[in-house]
Amino acid sequence: MTDIKSPVNPLFLRDEELRYGIELLFYAYRDFTAEPDQMLAKLGLGRAHHRVIYFVGRNPRISVTELLRILKITKQSLSRVLGDLIRQGFIVQRPGTRDRRQRLLELTDKGKALECELSENQRQRVARAYREAGAEAVEGFRTVLLGIIDETNRDQVLEGKPPRRA
């Protein structure tokens, strides 16, 4: 295994270095999603369901419109996934208080339990990696991830960022 604390190659913008970074992202994502994927498969659900559960859990009473903006998927795709989650009792959908046409989404107790179960392994993975890397590396990692996100979406992502510790 490569030592992740080895000095950074000063030629980090060379093609091979960039490709290595891309590979690391692919491998990290594979392992980051493996356990939740197995849990979801037992319920007949997939990653799209996981993303909806996660963001509805993080944003109780989120509107369908806002969820579509976050996920960047079609209404048709969300409708299918949401229908599955509502039928299985993980999410409830209620009309808005001001605009009855608005649909607000919230996890049920069953949905909250599933979200917690799906995210626990991921939280542990991220916590372990953060501890091993240290605060400076974590800040650098966040900077790199934000740099990968389309500039037009960064403000939206930063809204959910935890406050900096002084």
N, C-alpha and C. Protein backbone atom coordinates (compact mmCIF):
# COMPACT_ATOMS: atom_id res chain seq x y z
N MET A 1 0.84 -1.19 0.00
CA MET A 1 0.00 0.00 0.00
C MET A 1 0.88 1.24 0.00
N THR A 2 0.48 2.23 -0.75
CA THR A 2 1.22 3.47 -0.84
C THR A 2 1.07 4.25 0.46
N ASP A 3 2.15 4.85 0.90
CA ASP A 3 2.11 5.67 2.10
C ASP A 3 1.40 6.98 1.76
N ILE A 4 0.23 7.19 2.37
CA ILE A 4 -0.55 8.38 2.04
C ILE A 4 0.05 9.66 2.62
N LYS A 5 1.02 9.52 3.51
CA LYS A 5 1.65 10.71 4.08
C LYS A 5 2.98 11.03 3.40
N SER A 6 3.27 10.34 2.28
CA SER A 6 4.51 10.61 1.56
C SER A 6 4.44 12.02 0.98
N PRO A 7 5.61 12.63 0.74
CA PRO A 7 5.60 14.00 0.22
C PRO A 7 4.90 14.06 -1.14
N VAL A 8 4.24 15.18 -1.38
CA VAL A 8 3.51 15.37 -2.62
C VAL A 8 4.50 15.61 -3.75
N ASN A 9 4.26 14.96 -4.87
CA ASN A 9 5.08 15.16 -6.05
C ASN A 9 4.90 16.60 -6.53
N PRO A 10 6.01 17.35 -6.65
CA PRO A 10 5.89 18.74 -7.09
C PRO A 10 5.36 18.85 -8.52
N LEU A 11 5.33 17.73 -9.23
CA LEU A 11 4.81 17.72 -10.60
C LEU A 11 3.39 17.16 -10.62
N PHE A 12 2.57 17.57 -9.62
CA PHE A 12 1.24 16.99 -9.42
C PHE A 12 0.26 17.28 -10.55
N LEU A 13 0.57 18.18 -11.46
CA LEU A 13 -0.33 18.47 -12.56
C LEU A 13 -0.02 17.66 -13.82
N ARG A 14 0.97 16.81 -13.75
CA ARG A 14 1.28 15.95 -14.89
C ARG A 14 0.16 14.93 -15.07
N ASP A 15 -0.01 14.47 -16.28
CA ASP A 15 -1.09 13.56 -16.62
C ASP A 15 -1.13 12.33 -15.71
N GLU A 16 -0.01 11.72 -15.46
CA GLU A 16 -0.01 10.50 -14.63
C GLU A 16 -0.44 10.80 -13.20
N GLU A 17 -0.05 11.94 -12.69
CA GLU A 17 -0.48 12.32 -11.34
C GLU A 17 -1.98 12.59 -11.30
N LEU A 18 -2.49 13.26 -12.33
CA LEU A 18 -3.93 13.53 -12.40
C LEU A 18 -4.71 12.22 -12.52
N ARG A 19 -4.22 11.31 -13.34
CA ARG A 19 -4.88 10.01 -13.50
C ARG A 19 -4.87 9.23 -12.18
N TYR A 20 -3.78 9.34 -11.44
CA TYR A 20 -3.71 8.66 -10.14
C TYR A 20 -4.75 9.23 -9.19
N GLY A 21 -4.93 10.56 -9.20
CA GLY A 21 -5.96 11.19 -8.37
C GLY A 21 -7.35 10.72 -8.76
N ILE A 22 -7.60 10.59 -10.05
CA ILE A 22 -8.89 10.09 -10.53
C ILE A 22 -9.10 8.66 -10.06
N GLU A 23 -8.07 7.83 -10.17
CA GLU A 23 -8.18 6.44 -9.71
C GLU A 23 -8.48 6.38 -8.22
N LEU A 24 -7.81 7.22 -7.45
CA LEU A 24 -8.07 7.23 -6.01
C LEU A 24 -9.53 7.58 -5.72
N LEU A 25 -10.08 8.55 -6.46
CA LEU A 25 -11.49 8.89 -6.28
C LEU A 25 -12.39 7.70 -6.60
N PHE A 26 -12.10 7.00 -7.70
CA PHE A 26 -12.91 5.84 -8.07
C PHE A 26 -12.84 4.75 -7.00
N TYR A 27 -11.63 4.43 -6.54
CA TYR A 27 -11.48 3.38 -5.52
C TYR A 27 -12.12 3.80 -4.20
N ALA A 28 -11.94 5.06 -3.82
CA ALA A 28 -12.53 5.54 -2.57
C ALA A 28 -14.05 5.47 -2.64
N TYR A 29 -14.62 5.87 -3.76
CA TYR A 29 -16.07 5.84 -3.92
C TYR A 29 -16.58 4.40 -3.89
N ARG A 30 -15.85 3.51 -4.54
CA ARG A 30 -16.23 2.09 -4.54
C ARG A 30 -16.33 1.57 -3.11
N ASP A 31 -15.32 1.83 -2.31
CA ASP A 31 -15.30 1.32 -0.94
C ASP A 31 -16.25 2.09 -0.03
N PHE A 32 -16.42 3.38 -0.30
CA PHE A 32 -17.31 4.23 0.49
C PHE A 32 -18.76 3.78 0.34
N THR A 33 -19.12 3.27 -0.83
CA THR A 33 -20.51 2.89 -1.11
C THR A 33 -20.78 1.39 -0.97
N ALA A 34 -19.76 0.58 -0.80
CA ALA A 34 -19.93 -0.88 -0.82
C ALA A 34 -20.91 -1.39 0.24
N GLU A 35 -20.72 -1.04 1.49
CA GLU A 35 -21.59 -1.55 2.56
C GLU A 35 -23.03 -1.04 2.43
N PRO A 36 -23.21 0.28 2.21
CA PRO A 36 -24.59 0.74 2.01
C PRO A 36 -25.25 0.08 0.79
N ASP A 37 -24.49 -0.15 -0.27
CA ASP A 37 -25.05 -0.83 -1.45
C ASP A 37 -25.60 -2.20 -1.08
N GLN A 38 -24.87 -2.94 -0.26
CA GLN A 38 -25.31 -4.27 0.15
C GLN A 38 -26.59 -4.19 0.98
N MET A 39 -26.65 -3.23 1.89
CA MET A 39 -27.85 -3.06 2.72
C MET A 39 -29.05 -2.70 1.86
N LEU A 40 -28.85 -1.79 0.92
CA LEU A 40 -29.93 -1.34 0.05
C LEU A 40 -30.43 -2.47 -0.85
N ALA A 41 -29.49 -3.26 -1.35
CA ALA A 41 -29.87 -4.37 -2.25
C ALA A 41 -30.84 -5.33 -1.57
N LYS A 42 -30.64 -5.54 -0.27
CA LYS A 42 -31.55 -6.43 0.48
C LYS A 42 -32.98 -5.88 0.52
N LEU A 43 -33.10 -4.57 0.35
CA LEU A 43 -34.42 -3.93 0.37
C LEU A 43 -34.94 -3.66 -1.04
N GLY A 44 -34.18 -4.09 -2.04
CA GLY A 44 -34.57 -3.83 -3.42
C GLY A 44 -34.35 -2.38 -3.83
N LEU A 45 -33.41 -1.71 -3.17
CA LEU A 45 -33.12 -0.30 -3.42
C LEU A 45 -31.69 -0.14 -3.92
N GLY A 46 -31.37 1.04 -4.42
CA GLY A 46 -30.03 1.30 -4.95
C GLY A 46 -29.49 2.64 -4.50
N ARG A 47 -28.41 3.07 -5.17
CA ARG A 47 -27.72 4.31 -4.79
C ARG A 47 -28.59 5.54 -4.94
N ALA A 48 -29.45 5.56 -5.94
CA ALA A 48 -30.35 6.72 -6.11
C ALA A 48 -31.24 6.86 -4.88
N HIS A 49 -31.71 5.74 -4.36
CA HIS A 49 -32.53 5.75 -3.15
C HIS A 49 -31.72 6.28 -1.96
N HIS A 50 -30.45 5.85 -1.90
CA HIS A 50 -29.58 6.27 -0.82
C HIS A 50 -29.40 7.79 -0.84
N ARG A 51 -29.16 8.35 -2.03
CA ARG A 51 -28.97 9.80 -2.13
C ARG A 51 -30.22 10.55 -1.67
N VAL A 52 -31.38 10.07 -2.08
CA VAL A 52 -32.62 10.72 -1.67
C VAL A 52 -32.79 10.63 -0.16
N ILE A 53 -32.60 9.45 0.41
CA ILE A 53 -32.71 9.27 1.86
C ILE A 53 -31.74 10.19 2.58
N TYR A 54 -30.50 10.25 2.09
CA TYR A 54 -29.50 11.08 2.75
C TYR A 54 -29.90 12.55 2.75
N PHE A 55 -30.25 13.10 1.58
CA PHE A 55 -30.54 14.53 1.50
C PHE A 55 -31.87 14.90 2.13
N VAL A 56 -32.83 14.02 2.11
CA VAL A 56 -34.09 14.30 2.83
C VAL A 56 -33.80 14.27 4.33
N GLY A 57 -32.95 13.35 4.77
CA GLY A 57 -32.57 13.29 6.18
C GLY A 57 -31.82 14.53 6.64
N ARG A 58 -30.96 15.05 5.77
CA ARG A 58 -30.18 16.24 6.11
C ARG A 58 -31.02 17.52 6.02
N ASN A 59 -32.13 17.45 5.29
CA ASN A 59 -32.95 18.64 5.05
C ASN A 59 -34.42 18.30 5.27
N PRO A 60 -34.83 18.07 6.51
CA PRO A 60 -36.23 17.72 6.76
C PRO A 60 -37.19 18.76 6.18
N ARG A 61 -38.27 18.28 5.60
CA ARG A 61 -39.29 19.12 4.96
C ARG A 61 -38.76 19.81 3.71
N ILE A 62 -37.81 19.17 3.05
CA ILE A 62 -37.27 19.70 1.80
C ILE A 62 -38.33 19.57 0.72
N SER A 63 -38.40 20.55 -0.15
CA SER A 63 -39.37 20.47 -1.25
C SER A 63 -38.81 19.57 -2.35
N VAL A 64 -39.70 19.00 -3.12
CA VAL A 64 -39.29 18.17 -4.25
C VAL A 64 -38.43 19.00 -5.20
N THR A 65 -38.80 20.25 -5.41
CA THR A 65 -38.04 21.14 -6.30
C THR A 65 -36.61 21.32 -5.82
N GLU A 66 -36.44 21.54 -4.52
CA GLU A 66 -35.10 21.71 -3.95
C GLU A 66 -34.30 20.42 -4.06
N LEU A 67 -34.93 19.31 -3.81
CA LEU A 67 -34.25 18.02 -3.92
C LEU A 67 -33.79 17.77 -5.35
N LEU A 68 -34.63 18.11 -6.31
CA LEU A 68 -34.24 17.99 -7.72
C LEU A 68 -33.02 18.86 -8.02
N ARG A 69 -32.98 20.03 -7.43
CA ARG A 69 -31.84 20.95 -7.64
C ARG A 69 -30.55 20.36 -7.07
N ILE A 70 -30.64 19.75 -5.92
CA ILE A 70 -29.47 19.15 -5.29
C ILE A 70 -28.98 17.94 -6.08
N LEU A 71 -29.89 17.06 -6.43
CA LEU A 71 -29.52 15.79 -7.06
C LEU A 71 -29.24 15.90 -8.55
N LYS A 72 -29.78 16.95 -9.17
CA LYS A 72 -29.61 17.15 -10.62
C LYS A 72 -30.05 15.91 -11.39
N ILE A 73 -31.26 15.47 -11.11
CA ILE A 73 -31.86 14.36 -11.85
C ILE A 73 -33.20 14.82 -12.39
N THR A 74 -33.77 14.03 -13.27
CA THR A 74 -35.06 14.40 -13.86
C THR A 74 -36.18 14.15 -12.87
N LYS A 75 -37.30 14.84 -13.10
CA LYS A 75 -38.49 14.62 -12.28
C LYS A 75 -38.93 13.16 -12.38
N GLN A 76 -38.81 12.60 -13.58
CA GLN A 76 -39.22 11.22 -13.80
C GLN A 76 -38.38 10.26 -12.95
N SER A 77 -37.07 10.46 -12.93
CA SER A 77 -36.19 9.61 -12.12
C SER A 77 -36.50 9.73 -10.64
N LEU A 78 -36.67 10.98 -10.18
CA LEU A 78 -36.98 11.19 -8.77
C LEU A 78 -38.34 10.58 -8.43
N SER A 79 -39.29 10.72 -9.31
CA SER A 79 -40.62 10.19 -9.07
C SER A 79 -40.58 8.68 -8.82
N ARG A 80 -39.81 7.97 -9.63
CA ARG A 80 -39.70 6.52 -9.47
C ARG A 80 -39.08 6.16 -8.12
N VAL A 81 -37.96 6.82 -7.80
CA VAL A 81 -37.23 6.55 -6.56
C VAL A 81 -38.07 6.94 -5.35
N LEU A 82 -38.66 8.11 -5.41
CA LEU A 82 -39.49 8.60 -4.32
C LEU A 82 -40.69 7.69 -4.09
N GLY A 83 -41.30 7.24 -5.18
CA GLY A 83 -42.43 6.32 -5.07
C GLY A 83 -42.05 5.06 -4.31
N ASP A 84 -40.88 4.51 -4.62
CA ASP A 84 -40.39 3.31 -3.91
C ASP A 84 -40.25 3.60 -2.42
N LEU A 85 -39.63 4.73 -2.10
CA LEU A 85 -39.35 5.06 -0.70
C LEU A 85 -40.62 5.37 0.09
N ILE A 86 -41.59 5.98 -0.57
CA ILE A 86 -42.87 6.27 0.09
C ILE A 86 -43.64 4.96 0.31
N ARG A 87 -43.68 4.13 -0.72
CA ARG A 87 -44.40 2.83 -0.60
C ARG A 87 -43.82 1.96 0.51
N GLN A 88 -42.49 2.00 0.66
CA GLN A 88 -41.86 1.17 1.69
C GLN A 88 -41.85 1.84 3.06
N GLY A 89 -42.38 3.04 3.14
CA GLY A 89 -42.53 3.70 4.44
C GLY A 89 -41.28 4.39 4.96
N PHE A 90 -40.35 4.77 4.08
CA PHE A 90 -39.14 5.46 4.51
C PHE A 90 -39.29 6.99 4.47
N ILE A 91 -40.19 7.47 3.61
CA ILE A 91 -40.39 8.91 3.43
C ILE A 91 -41.89 9.20 3.40
N VAL A 92 -42.25 10.35 3.98
CA VAL A 92 -43.62 10.85 3.85
C VAL A 92 -43.57 12.13 3.03
N GLN A 93 -44.63 12.36 2.30
CA GLN A 93 -44.76 13.54 1.46
C GLN A 93 -46.00 14.29 1.91
N ARG A 94 -45.81 15.59 2.21
CA ARG A 94 -46.92 16.41 2.67
C ARG A 94 -47.01 17.67 1.81
N PRO A 95 -48.21 18.25 1.71
CA PRO A 95 -48.33 19.52 0.99
C PRO A 95 -47.69 20.65 1.80
N GLY A 96 -47.23 21.68 1.09
CA GLY A 96 -46.66 22.84 1.75
C GLY A 96 -47.71 23.58 2.55
N THR A 97 -47.29 24.34 3.54
CA THR A 97 -48.24 25.07 4.38
C THR A 97 -48.76 26.32 3.67
N ARG A 98 -47.93 27.00 2.90
CA ARG A 98 -48.35 28.20 2.17
C ARG A 98 -48.87 27.86 0.78
N ASP A 99 -48.18 26.96 0.13
CA ASP A 99 -48.55 26.57 -1.23
C ASP A 99 -48.86 25.07 -1.20
N ARG A 100 -50.13 24.74 -1.29
CA ARG A 100 -50.57 23.35 -1.19
C ARG A 100 -50.05 22.49 -2.34
N ARG A 101 -49.62 23.14 -3.44
CA ARG A 101 -49.07 22.39 -4.57
C ARG A 101 -47.65 21.91 -4.28
N GLN A 102 -46.99 22.59 -3.38
CA GLN A 102 -45.63 22.23 -3.01
C GLN A 102 -45.66 20.90 -2.27
N ARG A 103 -44.69 20.04 -2.57
CA ARG A 103 -44.59 18.75 -1.88
C ARG A 103 -43.34 18.76 -1.01
N LEU A 104 -43.55 18.58 0.29
CA LEU A 104 -42.44 18.58 1.25
C LEU A 104 -42.17 17.14 1.69
N LEU A 105 -40.89 16.81 1.78
CA LEU A 105 -40.47 15.44 2.08
C LEU A 105 -39.80 15.36 3.44
N GLU A 106 -40.06 14.25 4.11
CA GLU A 106 -39.47 14.03 5.44
C GLU A 106 -39.29 12.53 5.64
N LEU A 107 -38.22 12.18 6.34
CA LEU A 107 -38.01 10.77 6.68
C LEU A 107 -38.99 10.37 7.78
N THR A 108 -39.49 9.16 7.67
CA THR A 108 -40.27 8.59 8.77
C THR A 108 -39.27 8.07 9.80
N ASP A 109 -39.76 7.56 10.92
CA ASP A 109 -38.84 6.94 11.89
C ASP A 109 -38.09 5.79 11.24
N LYS A 110 -38.79 5.02 10.43
CA LYS A 110 -38.17 3.90 9.70
C LYS A 110 -37.09 4.44 8.75
N GLY A 111 -37.37 5.55 8.09
CA GLY A 111 -36.40 6.17 7.18
C GLY A 111 -35.19 6.71 7.92
N LYS A 112 -35.43 7.30 9.09
CA LYS A 112 -34.32 7.82 9.90
C LYS A 112 -33.41 6.69 10.35
N ALA A 113 -34.00 5.58 10.74
CA ALA A 113 -33.21 4.41 11.16
C ALA A 113 -32.38 3.88 9.99
N LEU A 114 -32.97 3.83 8.81
CA LEU A 114 -32.23 3.35 7.64
C LEU A 114 -31.11 4.31 7.28
N GLU A 115 -31.39 5.60 7.30
CA GLU A 115 -30.35 6.59 6.98
C GLU A 115 -29.18 6.46 7.94
N CYS A 116 -29.49 6.30 9.21
CA CYS A 116 -28.43 6.15 10.22
C CYS A 116 -27.60 4.90 9.96
N GLU A 117 -28.28 3.81 9.65
CA GLU A 117 -27.60 2.54 9.38
C GLU A 117 -26.72 2.65 8.13
N LEU A 118 -27.25 3.27 7.09
CA LEU A 118 -26.50 3.41 5.84
C LEU A 118 -25.28 4.31 6.02
N SER A 119 -25.41 5.35 6.82
CA SER A 119 -24.34 6.33 6.96
C SER A 119 -23.29 5.98 8.01
N GLU A 120 -23.61 5.07 8.92
CA GLU A 120 -22.68 4.78 10.02
C GLU A 120 -21.31 4.34 9.52
N ASN A 121 -21.28 3.37 8.62
CA ASN A 121 -20.00 2.90 8.09
C ASN A 121 -19.27 4.03 7.37
N GLN A 122 -20.00 4.84 6.66
CA GLN A 122 -19.39 5.95 5.93
C GLN A 122 -18.82 6.99 6.89
N ARG A 123 -19.56 7.29 7.95
CA ARG A 123 -19.04 8.23 8.96
C ARG A 123 -17.76 7.69 9.59
N GLN A 124 -17.75 6.41 9.91
CA GLN A 124 -16.56 5.81 10.51
C GLN A 124 -15.37 5.87 9.55
N ARG A 125 -15.61 5.59 8.28
CA ARG A 125 -14.55 5.65 7.26
C ARG A 125 -13.95 7.05 7.17
N VAL A 126 -14.85 8.04 7.09
CA VAL A 126 -14.39 9.42 6.95
C VAL A 126 -13.67 9.86 8.23
N ALA A 127 -14.20 9.51 9.38
CA ALA A 127 -13.56 9.88 10.66
C ALA A 127 -12.16 9.27 10.75
N ARG A 128 -12.04 7.99 10.39
CA ARG A 128 -10.72 7.33 10.43
C ARG A 128 -9.74 8.02 9.48
N ALA A 129 -10.19 8.30 8.27
CA ALA A 129 -9.32 8.95 7.29
C ALA A 129 -8.92 10.35 7.76
N TYR A 130 -9.87 11.08 8.33
CA TYR A 130 -9.57 12.42 8.84
C TYR A 130 -8.55 12.35 9.98
N ARG A 131 -8.75 11.41 10.91
CA ARG A 131 -7.80 11.27 12.03
C ARG A 131 -6.40 10.95 11.51
N GLU A 132 -6.32 10.02 10.56
CA GLU A 132 -5.01 9.62 10.03
C GLU A 132 -4.34 10.75 9.26
N ALA A 133 -5.13 11.57 8.57
CA ALA A 133 -4.56 12.62 7.73
C ALA A 133 -4.21 13.88 8.51
N GLY A 134 -5.01 14.22 9.52
CA GLY A 134 -4.76 15.44 10.27
C GLY A 134 -5.54 16.62 9.72
N ALA A 135 -5.67 17.65 10.57
CA ALA A 135 -6.52 18.80 10.27
C ALA A 135 -6.12 19.54 8.99
N GLU A 136 -4.84 19.72 8.78
CA GLU A 136 -4.38 20.46 7.59
C GLU A 136 -4.74 19.70 6.31
N ALA A 137 -4.54 18.40 6.34
CA ALA A 137 -4.88 17.58 5.17
C ALA A 137 -6.39 17.57 4.92
N VAL A 138 -7.18 17.53 6.00
CA VAL A 138 -8.64 17.55 5.86
C VAL A 138 -9.07 18.83 5.18
N GLU A 139 -8.51 19.96 5.59
CA GLU A 139 -8.85 21.23 4.96
C GLU A 139 -8.44 21.23 3.49
N GLY A 140 -7.28 20.67 3.19
CA GLY A 140 -6.83 20.57 1.80
C GLY A 140 -7.75 19.66 0.98
N PHE A 141 -8.17 18.57 1.58
CA PHE A 141 -9.09 17.62 0.92
C PHE A 141 -10.40 18.31 0.59
N ARG A 142 -10.94 19.06 1.54
CA ARG A 142 -12.19 19.79 1.31
C ARG A 142 -12.03 20.81 0.19
N THR A 143 -10.89 21.47 0.18
CA THR A 143 -10.62 22.45 -0.86
C THR A 143 -10.58 21.79 -2.23
N VAL A 144 -9.94 20.63 -2.32
CA VAL A 144 -9.87 19.90 -3.59
C VAL A 144 -11.27 19.45 -4.01
N LEU A 145 -12.05 18.89 -3.09
CA LEU A 145 -13.39 18.44 -3.44
C LEU A 145 -14.26 19.60 -3.92
N LEU A 146 -14.19 20.72 -3.21
CA LEU A 146 -14.95 21.90 -3.65
C LEU A 146 -14.48 22.37 -5.02
N GLY A 147 -13.19 22.24 -5.29
CA GLY A 147 -12.67 22.61 -6.60
C GLY A 147 -13.17 21.71 -7.71
N ILE A 148 -13.50 20.48 -7.40
CA ILE A 148 -14.03 19.53 -8.39
C ILE A 148 -15.50 19.84 -8.69
N ILE A 149 -16.21 20.35 -7.70
CA ILE A 149 -17.64 20.67 -7.87
C ILE A 149 -17.76 21.87 -8.81
N ASP A 150 -18.73 21.81 -9.73
CA ASP A 150 -18.97 22.92 -10.65
C ASP A 150 -19.10 24.22 -9.86
N GLU A 151 -18.46 25.25 -10.37
CA GLU A 151 -18.44 26.55 -9.69
C GLU A 151 -19.85 27.07 -9.39
N THR A 152 -20.79 26.80 -10.28
CA THR A 152 -22.16 27.29 -10.09
C THR A 152 -22.87 26.61 -8.94
N ASN A 153 -22.34 25.50 -8.45
CA ASN A 153 -22.98 24.75 -7.36
C ASN A 153 -22.26 24.89 -6.02
N ARG A 154 -21.13 25.54 -6.00
CA ARG A 154 -20.33 25.59 -4.76
C ARG A 154 -21.04 26.29 -3.62
N ASP A 155 -21.72 27.39 -3.89
CA ASP A 155 -22.42 28.11 -2.82
C ASP A 155 -23.45 27.21 -2.16
N GLN A 156 -24.18 26.46 -2.97
CA GLN A 156 -25.19 25.53 -2.46
C GLN A 156 -24.54 24.51 -1.53
N VAL A 157 -23.39 24.00 -1.91
CA VAL A 157 -22.69 23.01 -1.10
C VAL A 157 -22.15 23.65 0.17
N LEU A 158 -21.62 24.85 0.05
CA LEU A 158 -21.05 25.55 1.20
C LEU A 158 -22.10 25.91 2.25
N GLU A 159 -23.37 26.03 1.84
CA GLU A 159 -24.44 26.32 2.80
C GLU A 159 -24.50 25.26 3.89
N GLY A 160 -24.19 24.03 3.56
CA GLY A 160 -24.26 22.93 4.51
C GLY A 160 -22.96 22.64 5.22
N LYS A 161 -21.93 23.48 4.97
CA LYS A 161 -20.62 23.25 5.56
C LYS A 161 -20.62 23.55 7.06
N PRO A 162 -20.01 22.65 7.84
CA PRO A 162 -19.94 22.92 9.29
C PRO A 162 -19.06 24.14 9.57
N PRO A 163 -19.33 24.84 10.67
CA PRO A 163 -18.53 26.04 10.99
C PRO A 163 -17.07 25.67 11.29
N ARG A 164 -16.18 26.57 10.96
CA ARG A 164 -14.75 26.36 11.25
C ARG A 164 -14.52 26.53 12.75
N ARG A 165 -13.63 25.73 13.25
CA ARG A 165 -13.23 25.84 14.67
C ARG A 165 -12.11 26.85 14.78
N ALA A 166 -12.19 27.72 15.77
CA ALA A 166 -11.14 28.73 15.95
C ALA A 166 -10.04 28.21 16.85
